[in-house]
Amino acid sequence: MPIYKIIFEKAAQKFLDKQDRPKRIRLYRAIYRLPDGTDIKKLKGHDLYRLRVGDCRVLYRIDNGVKIITIENIDNRGDVYKAY
C-alpha cells in the first residue's frame, strides 16, 4: 500500500478545530485511512472525491504522481457542496 502525504487546506483545518474531541478523532481516523476507505465517491464534473463520515463530508483531491492527498473542505452534509 503506497503511503500518501496528507495536506489540509485552511477551511478544512478550521472545521476540524471547531469540533468536539470524539468527532475530531473520528474524522482524523477516516482521513488517515485514505485513499482506501469506505463510502468514497468521485464528484461529477470535478476532480474531487467525497468521503462520508457520519453527517460530515470530506472533499479531497488525490495526486498519485507525487503521492499527496489534499483535503479541500470538511463540512456538514448540506453545506459542503455549496462552494463547488
PDB file of N, CA and C in Angstrom:
ATOM      1  N   MET A   1       0.843  -1.180   0.000  1.00  0.00           N
ATOM      2  CA  MET A   1       0.000   0.000   0.000  1.00  0.00           C
ATOM      3  C   MET A   1       0.885   1.239   0.000  1.00  0.00           C
ATOM      4  N   PRO A   2       0.721   2.116  -0.988  1.00  0.00           N
ATOM      5  CA  PRO A   2       1.548   3.328  -1.044  1.00  0.00           C
ATOM      6  C   PRO A   2       1.187   4.305   0.070  1.00  0.00           C
ATOM      7  N   ILE A   3       2.187   4.990   0.563  1.00  0.00           N
ATOM      8  CA  ILE A   3       1.992   5.973   1.625  1.00  0.00           C
ATOM      9  C   ILE A   3       1.767   7.343   0.988  1.00  0.00           C
ATOM     10  N   TYR A   4       0.700   8.006   1.376  1.00  0.00           N
ATOM     11  CA  TYR A   4       0.359   9.322   0.862  1.00  0.00           C
ATOM     12  C   TYR A   4       0.578  10.364   1.946  1.00  0.00           C
ATOM     13  N   LYS A   5       1.063  11.528   1.539  1.00  0.00           N
ATOM     14  CA  LYS A   5       1.163  12.664   2.448  1.00  0.00           C
ATOM     15  C   LYS A   5      -0.184  13.384   2.403  1.00  0.00           C
ATOM     16  N   ILE A   6      -0.694  13.775   3.571  1.00  0.00           N
ATOM     17  CA  ILE A   6      -1.997  14.429   3.635  1.00  0.00           C
ATOM     18  C   ILE A   6      -1.799  15.886   4.014  1.00  0.00           C
ATOM     19  N   ILE A   7      -2.370  16.777   3.193  1.00  0.00           N
ATOM     20  CA  ILE A   7      -2.282  18.214   3.413  1.00  0.00           C
ATOM     21  C   ILE A   7      -3.689  18.749   3.634  1.00  0.00           C
ATOM     22  N   PHE A   8      -3.851  19.564   4.667  1.00  0.00           N
ATOM     23  CA  PHE A   8      -5.149  20.150   4.983  1.00  0.00           C
ATOM     24  C   PHE A   8      -5.182  21.607   4.531  1.00  0.00           C
ATOM     25  N   GLU A   9      -6.197  21.959   3.748  1.00  0.00           N
ATOM     26  CA  GLU A   9      -6.416  23.359   3.400  1.00  0.00           C
ATOM     27  C   GLU A   9      -6.951  24.090   4.625  1.00  0.00           C
ATOM     28  N   LYS A  10      -6.899  25.416   4.579  1.00  0.00           N
ATOM     29  CA  LYS A  10      -7.278  26.236   5.733  1.00  0.00           C
ATOM     30  C   LYS A  10      -8.721  25.986   6.180  1.00  0.00           C
ATOM     31  N   ALA A  11      -9.655  25.908   5.232  1.00  0.00           N
ATOM     32  CA  ALA A  11     -11.073  25.710   5.576  1.00  0.00           C
ATOM     33  C   ALA A  11     -11.287  24.366   6.270  1.00  0.00           C
ATOM     34  N   ALA A  12     -10.606  23.330   5.801  1.00  0.00           N
ATOM     35  CA  ALA A  12     -10.753  22.009   6.397  1.00  0.00           C
ATOM     36  C   ALA A  12     -10.187  21.985   7.813  1.00  0.00           C
ATOM     37  N   GLN A  13      -9.026  22.576   8.007  1.00  0.00           N
ATOM     38  CA  GLN A  13      -8.408  22.598   9.328  1.00  0.00           C
ATOM     39  C   GLN A  13      -9.253  23.407  10.317  1.00  0.00           C
ATOM     40  N   LYS A  14      -9.828  24.492   9.830  1.00  0.00           N
ATOM     41  CA  LYS A  14     -10.679  25.338  10.672  1.00  0.00           C
ATOM     42  C   LYS A  14     -11.903  24.559  11.153  1.00  0.00           C
ATOM     43  N   PHE A  15     -12.529  23.784  10.255  1.00  0.00           N
ATOM     44  CA  PHE A  15     -13.685  22.981  10.644  1.00  0.00           C
ATOM     45  C   PHE A  15     -13.291  21.940  11.685  1.00  0.00           C
ATOM     46  N   LEU A  16     -12.158  21.267  11.477  1.00  0.00           N
ATOM     47  CA  LEU A  16     -11.709  20.250  12.431  1.00  0.00           C
ATOM     48  C   LEU A  16     -11.438  20.845  13.806  1.00  0.00           C
ATOM     49  N   ASP A  17     -10.841  22.029  13.841  1.00  0.00           N
ATOM     50  CA  ASP A  17     -10.508  22.668  15.118  1.00  0.00           C
ATOM     51  C   ASP A  17     -11.750  23.031  15.926  1.00  0.00           C
ATOM     52  N   LYS A  18     -12.876  23.254  15.257  1.00  0.00           N
ATOM     53  CA  LYS A  18     -14.114  23.642  15.939  1.00  0.00           C
ATOM     54  C   LYS A  18     -14.882  22.452  16.509  1.00  0.00           C
ATOM     55  N   GLN A  19     -14.542  21.242  16.096  1.00  0.00           N
ATOM     56  CA  GLN A  19     -15.308  20.059  16.502  1.00  0.00           C
ATOM     57  C   GLN A  19     -14.910  19.595  17.899  1.00  0.00           C
ATOM     58  N   ASP A  20     -15.840  18.888  18.566  1.00  0.00           N
ATOM     59  CA  ASP A  20     -15.501  18.309  19.857  1.00  0.00           C
ATOM     60  C   ASP A  20     -14.560  17.120  19.647  1.00  0.00           C
ATOM     61  N   ARG A  21     -13.906  16.719  20.700  1.00  0.00           N
ATOM     62  CA  ARG A  21     -12.833  15.727  20.599  1.00  0.00           C
ATOM     63  C   ARG A  21     -13.260  14.402  19.946  1.00  0.00           C
ATOM     64  N   PRO A  22     -14.369  13.773  20.344  1.00  0.00           N
ATOM     65  CA  PRO A  22     -14.733  12.488  19.710  1.00  0.00           C
ATOM     66  C   PRO A  22     -14.992  12.606  18.205  1.00  0.00           C
ATOM     67  N   LYS A  23     -15.667  13.664  17.790  1.00  0.00           N
ATOM     68  CA  LYS A  23     -15.952  13.847  16.365  1.00  0.00           C
ATOM     69  C   LYS A  23     -14.668  14.126  15.594  1.00  0.00           C
ATOM     70  N   ARG A  24     -13.763  14.919  16.166  1.00  0.00           N
ATOM     71  CA  ARG A  24     -12.484  15.241  15.517  1.00  0.00           C
ATOM     72  C   ARG A  24     -11.648  13.974  15.350  1.00  0.00           C
ATOM     73  N   ILE A  25     -11.613  13.129  16.377  1.00  0.00           N
ATOM     74  CA  ILE A  25     -10.852  11.872  16.292  1.00  0.00           C
ATOM     75  C   ILE A  25     -11.442  10.966  15.221  1.00  0.00           C
ATOM     76  N   ARG A  26     -12.766  10.891  15.151  1.00  0.00           N
ATOM     77  CA  ARG A  26     -13.425  10.059  14.138  1.00  0.00           C
ATOM     78  C   ARG A  26     -13.083  10.538  12.725  1.00  0.00           C
ATOM     79  N   LEU A  27     -13.074  11.864  12.523  1.00  0.00           N
ATOM     80  CA  LEU A  27     -12.733  12.421  11.218  1.00  0.00           C
ATOM     81  C   LEU A  27     -11.274  12.152  10.864  1.00  0.00           C
ATOM     82  N   TYR A  28     -10.364  12.377  11.810  1.00  0.00           N
ATOM     83  CA  TYR A  28      -8.933  12.126  11.545  1.00  0.00           C
ATOM     84  C   TYR A  28      -8.676  10.664  11.205  1.00  0.00           C
ATOM     85  N   ARG A  29      -9.318   9.750  11.917  1.00  0.00           N
ATOM     86  CA  ARG A  29      -9.126   8.319  11.627  1.00  0.00           C
ATOM     87  C   ARG A  29      -9.581   7.974  10.216  1.00  0.00           C
ATOM     88  N   ALA A  30     -10.719   8.516   9.804  1.00  0.00           N
ATOM     89  CA  ALA A  30     -11.227   8.254   8.456  1.00  0.00           C
ATOM     90  C   ALA A  30     -10.303   8.863   7.402  1.00  0.00           C
ATOM     91  N   ILE A  31      -9.799  10.072   7.664  1.00  0.00           N
ATOM     92  CA  ILE A  31      -8.929  10.763   6.703  1.00  0.00           C
ATOM     93  C   ILE A  31      -7.607  10.028   6.543  1.00  0.00           C
ATOM     94  N   TYR A  32      -7.017   9.569   7.632  1.00  0.00           N
ATOM     95  CA  TYR A  32      -5.720   8.913   7.537  1.00  0.00           C
ATOM     96  C   TYR A  32      -5.800   7.491   7.002  1.00  0.00           C
ATOM     97  N   ARG A  33      -7.005   6.968   6.740  1.00  0.00           N
ATOM     98  CA  ARG A  33      -7.164   5.693   6.036  1.00  0.00           C
ATOM     99  C   ARG A  33      -7.171   5.879   4.518  1.00  0.00           C
ATOM    100  N   LEU A  34      -7.259   7.120   4.053  1.00  0.00           N
ATOM    101  CA  LEU A  34      -7.292   7.384   2.614  1.00  0.00           C
ATOM    102  C   LEU A  34      -5.988   6.949   1.967  1.00  0.00           C
ATOM    103  N   PRO A  35      -5.966   6.576   0.714  1.00  0.00           N
ATOM    104  CA  PRO A  35      -7.049   6.574  -0.262  1.00  0.00           C
ATOM    105  C   PRO A  35      -7.964   5.367  -0.145  1.00  0.00           C
ATOM    106  N   ASP A  36      -7.620   4.409   0.716  1.00  0.00           N
ATOM    107  CA  ASP A  36      -8.524   3.280   0.959  1.00  0.00           C
ATOM    108  C   ASP A  36      -9.534   3.713   2.007  1.00  0.00           C
ATOM    109  N   GLY A  37     -10.700   3.238   1.905  1.00  0.00           N
ATOM    110  CA  GLY A  37     -11.729   3.604   2.870  1.00  0.00           C
ATOM    111  C   GLY A  37     -13.084   3.178   2.340  1.00  0.00           C
ATOM    112  N   THR A  38     -14.097   3.466   3.117  1.00  0.00           N
ATOM    113  CA  THR A  38     -15.446   3.097   2.713  1.00  0.00           C
ATOM    114  C   THR A  38     -16.246   4.353   2.407  1.00  0.00           C
ATOM    115  N   ASP A  39     -17.232   4.197   1.589  1.00  0.00           N
ATOM    116  CA  ASP A  39     -18.153   5.266   1.208  1.00  0.00           C
ATOM    117  C   ASP A  39     -17.441   6.456   0.584  1.00  0.00           C
ATOM    118  N   ILE A  40     -16.669   6.178  -0.456  1.00  0.00           N
ATOM    119  CA  ILE A  40     -15.952   7.210  -1.209  1.00  0.00           C
ATOM    120  C   ILE A  40     -16.551   7.261  -2.608  1.00  0.00           C
ATOM    121  N   LYS A  41     -16.813   8.479  -3.083  1.00  0.00           N
ATOM    122  CA  LYS A  41     -17.329   8.657  -4.441  1.00  0.00           C
ATOM    123  C   LYS A  41     -16.602   9.799  -5.114  1.00  0.00           C
ATOM    124  N   LYS A  42     -16.479   9.719  -6.434  1.00  0.00           N
ATOM    125  CA  LYS A  42     -15.908  10.814  -7.209  1.00  0.00           C
ATOM    126  C   LYS A  42     -17.033  11.779  -7.553  1.00  0.00           C
ATOM    127  N   LEU A  43     -16.792  13.088  -7.384  1.00  0.00           N
ATOM    128  CA  LEU A  43     -17.810  14.083  -7.696  1.00  0.00           C
ATOM    129  C   LEU A  43     -17.857  14.305  -9.204  1.00  0.00           C
ATOM    130  N   LYS A  44     -19.042  14.348  -9.748  1.00  0.00           N
ATOM    131  CA  LYS A  44     -19.215  14.560 -11.185  1.00  0.00           C
ATOM    132  C   LYS A  44     -18.804  15.975 -11.556  1.00  0.00           C
ATOM    133  N   GLY A  45     -18.041  16.107 -12.636  1.00  0.00           N
ATOM    134  CA  GLY A  45     -17.643  17.409 -13.141  1.00  0.00           C
ATOM    135  C   GLY A  45     -16.472  18.036 -12.409  1.00  0.00           C
ATOM    136  N   HIS A  46     -15.887  17.336 -11.443  1.00  0.00           N
ATOM    137  CA  HIS A  46     -14.756  17.857 -10.666  1.00  0.00           C
ATOM    138  C   HIS A  46     -13.712  16.760 -10.528  1.00  0.00           C
ATOM    139  N   ASP A  47     -12.516  17.151 -10.152  1.00  0.00           N
ATOM    140  CA  ASP A  47     -11.503  16.141  -9.856  1.00  0.00           C
ATOM    141  C   ASP A  47     -11.411  15.917  -8.349  1.00  0.00           C
ATOM    142  N   LEU A  48     -12.550  16.011  -7.680  1.00  0.00           N
ATOM    143  CA  LEU A  48     -12.643  15.838  -6.229  1.00  0.00           C
ATOM    144  C   LEU A  48     -13.302  14.511  -5.893  1.00  0.00           C
ATOM    145  N   TYR A  49     -12.964  14.012  -4.718  1.00  0.00           N
ATOM    146  CA  TYR A  49     -13.609  12.827  -4.169  1.00  0.00           C
ATOM    147  C   TYR A  49     -14.313  13.227  -2.885  1.00  0.00           C
ATOM    148  N   ARG A  50     -15.343  12.456  -2.524  1.00  0.00           N
ATOM    149  CA  ARG A  50     -16.109  12.716  -1.320  1.00  0.00           C
ATOM    150  C   ARG A  50     -16.019  11.512  -0.400  1.00  0.00           C
ATOM    151  N   LEU A  51     -15.672  11.776   0.856  1.00  0.00           N
ATOM    152  CA  LEU A  51     -15.653  10.747   1.889  1.00  0.00           C
ATOM    153  C   LEU A  51     -16.753  11.075   2.887  1.00  0.00           C
ATOM    154  N   ARG A  52     -17.613  10.109   3.166  1.00  0.00           N
ATOM    155  CA  ARG A  52     -18.693  10.323   4.128  1.00  0.00           C
ATOM    156  C   ARG A  52     -18.270   9.782   5.487  1.00  0.00           C
ATOM    157  N   VAL A  53     -18.371  10.647   6.509  1.00  0.00           N
ATOM    158  CA  VAL A  53     -18.081  10.260   7.893  1.00  0.00           C
ATOM    159  C   VAL A  53     -19.258  10.747   8.731  1.00  0.00           C
ATOM    160  N   GLY A  54     -20.221   9.888   8.971  1.00  0.00           N
ATOM    161  CA  GLY A  54     -21.424  10.290   9.697  1.00  0.00           C
ATOM    162  C   GLY A  54     -22.186  11.342   8.915  1.00  0.00           C
ATOM    163  N   ASP A  55     -22.460  12.487   9.547  1.00  0.00           N
ATOM    164  CA  ASP A  55     -23.162  13.565   8.855  1.00  0.00           C
ATOM    165  C   ASP A  55     -22.201  14.589   8.268  1.00  0.00           C
ATOM    166  N   CYS A  56     -20.909  14.300   8.290  1.00  0.00           N
ATOM    167  CA  CYS A  56     -19.893  15.196   7.705  1.00  0.00           C
ATOM    168  C   CYS A  56     -19.419  14.640   6.367  1.00  0.00           C
ATOM    169  N   ARG A  57     -18.973  15.548   5.522  1.00  0.00           N
ATOM    170  CA  ARG A  57     -18.403  15.168   4.233  1.00  0.00           C
ATOM    171  C   ARG A  57     -17.011  15.761   4.117  1.00  0.00           C
ATOM    172  N   VAL A  58     -16.066  14.957   3.637  1.00  0.00           N
ATOM    173  CA  VAL A  58     -14.688  15.386   3.431  1.00  0.00           C
ATOM    174  C   VAL A  58     -14.451  15.399   1.924  1.00  0.00           C
ATOM    175  N   LEU A  59     -14.128  16.555   1.375  1.00  0.00           N
ATOM    176  CA  LEU A  59     -13.818  16.669  -0.045  1.00  0.00           C
ATOM    177  C   LEU A  59     -12.307  16.740  -0.199  1.00  0.00           C
ATOM    178  N   TYR A  60     -11.773  15.910  -1.099  1.00  0.00           N
ATOM    179  CA  TYR A  60     -10.321  15.859  -1.240  1.00  0.00           C
ATOM    180  C   TYR A  60      -9.911  15.549  -2.668  1.00  0.00           C
ATOM    181  N   ARG A  61      -8.637  15.850  -2.968  1.00  0.00           N
ATOM    182  CA  ARG A  61      -8.017  15.547  -4.258  1.00  0.00           C
ATOM    183  C   ARG A  61      -6.883  14.562  -4.031  1.00  0.00           C
ATOM    184  N   ILE A  62      -6.628  13.726  -5.016  1.00  0.00           N
ATOM    185  CA  ILE A  62      -5.518  12.788  -4.948  1.00  0.00           C
ATOM    186  C   ILE A  62      -4.556  13.096  -6.093  1.00  0.00           C
ATOM    187  N   ASP A  63      -3.280  13.242  -5.775  1.00  0.00           N
ATOM    188  CA  ASP A  63      -2.237  13.376  -6.783  1.00  0.00           C
ATOM    189  C   ASP A  63      -1.370  12.125  -6.689  1.00  0.00           C
ATOM    190  N   ASN A  64      -1.649  11.139  -7.535  1.00  0.00           N
ATOM    191  CA  ASN A  64      -0.952   9.858  -7.473  1.00  0.00           C
ATOM    192  C   ASN A  64       0.506   9.962  -7.909  1.00  0.00           C
ATOM    193  N   GLY A  65       0.839  10.971  -8.709  1.00  0.00           N
ATOM    194  CA  GLY A  65       2.213  11.125  -9.167  1.00  0.00           C
ATOM    195  C   GLY A  65       3.187  11.401  -8.040  1.00  0.00           C
ATOM    196  N   VAL A  66       2.800  12.282  -7.124  1.00  0.00           N
ATOM    197  CA  VAL A  66       3.678  12.640  -6.005  1.00  0.00           C
ATOM    198  C   VAL A  66       3.145  12.124  -4.672  1.00  0.00           C
ATOM    199  N   LYS A  67       2.083  11.306  -4.708  1.00  0.00           N
ATOM    200  CA  LYS A  67       1.511  10.676  -3.522  1.00  0.00           C
ATOM    201  C   LYS A  67       1.067  11.701  -2.472  1.00  0.00           C
ATOM    202  N   ILE A  68       0.226  12.653  -2.890  1.00  0.00           N
ATOM    203  CA  ILE A  68      -0.294  13.669  -1.984  1.00  0.00           C
ATOM    204  C   ILE A  68      -1.817  13.657  -2.044  1.00  0.00           C
ATOM    205  N   ILE A  69      -2.446  13.695  -0.873  1.00  0.00           N
ATOM    206  CA  ILE A  69      -3.887  13.874  -0.767  1.00  0.00           C
ATOM    207  C   ILE A  69      -4.109  15.238  -0.136  1.00  0.00           C
ATOM    208  N   THR A  70      -4.857  16.089  -0.823  1.00  0.00           N
ATOM    209  CA  THR A  70      -5.161  17.425  -0.313  1.00  0.00           C
ATOM    210  C   THR A  70      -6.604  17.452   0.145  1.00  0.00           C
ATOM    211  N   ILE A  71      -6.805  17.690   1.436  1.00  0.00           N
ATOM    212  CA  ILE A  71      -8.151  17.795   1.998  1.00  0.00           C
ATOM    213  C   ILE A  71      -8.625  19.214   1.733  1.00  0.00           C
ATOM    214  N   GLU A  72      -9.552  19.362   0.784  1.00  0.00           N
ATOM    215  CA  GLU A  72     -10.018  20.679   0.357  1.00  0.00           C
ATOM    216  C   GLU A  72     -10.985  21.305   1.344  1.00  0.00           C
ATOM    217  N   ASN A  73     -11.972  20.510   1.792  1.00  0.00           N
ATOM    218  CA  ASN A  73     -13.007  21.068   2.653  1.00  0.00           C
ATOM    219  C   ASN A  73     -13.653  19.946   3.454  1.00  0.00           C
ATOM    220  N   ILE A  74     -14.074  20.287   4.664  1.00  0.00           N
ATOM    221  CA  ILE A  74     -14.860  19.389   5.510  1.00  0.00           C
ATOM    222  C   ILE A  74     -16.005  20.220   6.048  1.00  0.00           C
ATOM    223  N   ASP A  75     -17.208  19.690   5.963  1.00  0.00           N
ATOM    224  CA  ASP A  75     -18.354  20.426   6.479  1.00  0.00           C
ATOM    225  C   ASP A  75     -19.521  19.462   6.659  1.00  0.00           C
ATOM    226  N   ASN A  76     -20.612  19.986   7.150  1.00  0.00           N
ATOM    227  CA  ASN A  76     -21.814  19.176   7.310  1.00  0.00           C
ATOM    228  C   ASN A  76     -22.399  18.831   5.944  1.00  0.00           C
ATOM    229  N   ARG A  77     -23.213  17.823   5.921  1.00  0.00           N
ATOM    230  CA  ARG A  77     -23.728  17.231   4.681  1.00  0.00           C
ATOM    231  C   ARG A  77     -24.344  18.245   3.734  1.00  0.00           C
ATOM    232  N   GLY A  78     -25.163  19.144   4.206  1.00  0.00           N
ATOM    233  CA  GLY A  78     -25.870  20.063   3.323  1.00  0.00           C
ATOM    234  C   GLY A  78     -25.045  21.259   2.892  1.00  0.00           C
ATOM    235  N   ASP A  79     -23.982  21.588   3.619  1.00  0.00           N
ATOM    236  CA  ASP A  79     -23.240  22.820   3.368  1.00  0.00           C
ATOM    237  C   ASP A  79     -21.968  22.642   2.557  1.00  0.00           C
ATOM    238  N   VAL A  80     -21.418  21.441   2.512  1.00  0.00           N
ATOM    239  CA  VAL A  80     -20.098  21.260   1.937  1.00  0.00           C
ATOM    240  C   VAL A  80     -20.066  21.450   0.416  1.00  0.00           C
ATOM    241  N   TYR A  81     -21.155  21.203  -0.250  1.00  0.00           N
ATOM    242  CA  TYR A  81     -21.172  21.249  -1.725  1.00  0.00           C
ATOM    243  C   TYR A  81     -21.456  22.644  -2.276  1.00  0.00           C
ATOM    244  N   LYS A  82     -21.826  23.604  -1.444  1.00  0.00           N
ATOM    245  CA  LYS A  82     -22.222  24.931  -1.911  1.00  0.00           C
ATOM    246  C   LYS A  82     -21.120  25.678  -2.643  1.00  0.00           C
ATOM    247  N   ALA A  83     -19.881  25.439  -2.284  1.00  0.00           N
ATOM    248  CA  ALA A  83     -18.754  26.155  -2.907  1.00  0.00           C
ATOM    249  C   ALA A  83     -18.330  25.501  -4.235  1.00  0.00           C
ATOM    250  N   TYR A  84     -18.902  24.335  -4.565  1.00  0.00           N
ATOM    251  CA  TYR A  84     -18.430  23.600  -5.754  1.00  0.00           C
ATOM    252  C   TYR A  84     -19.493  23.472  -6.784  1.00  0.00           C
TER     253      TYR A  84
END
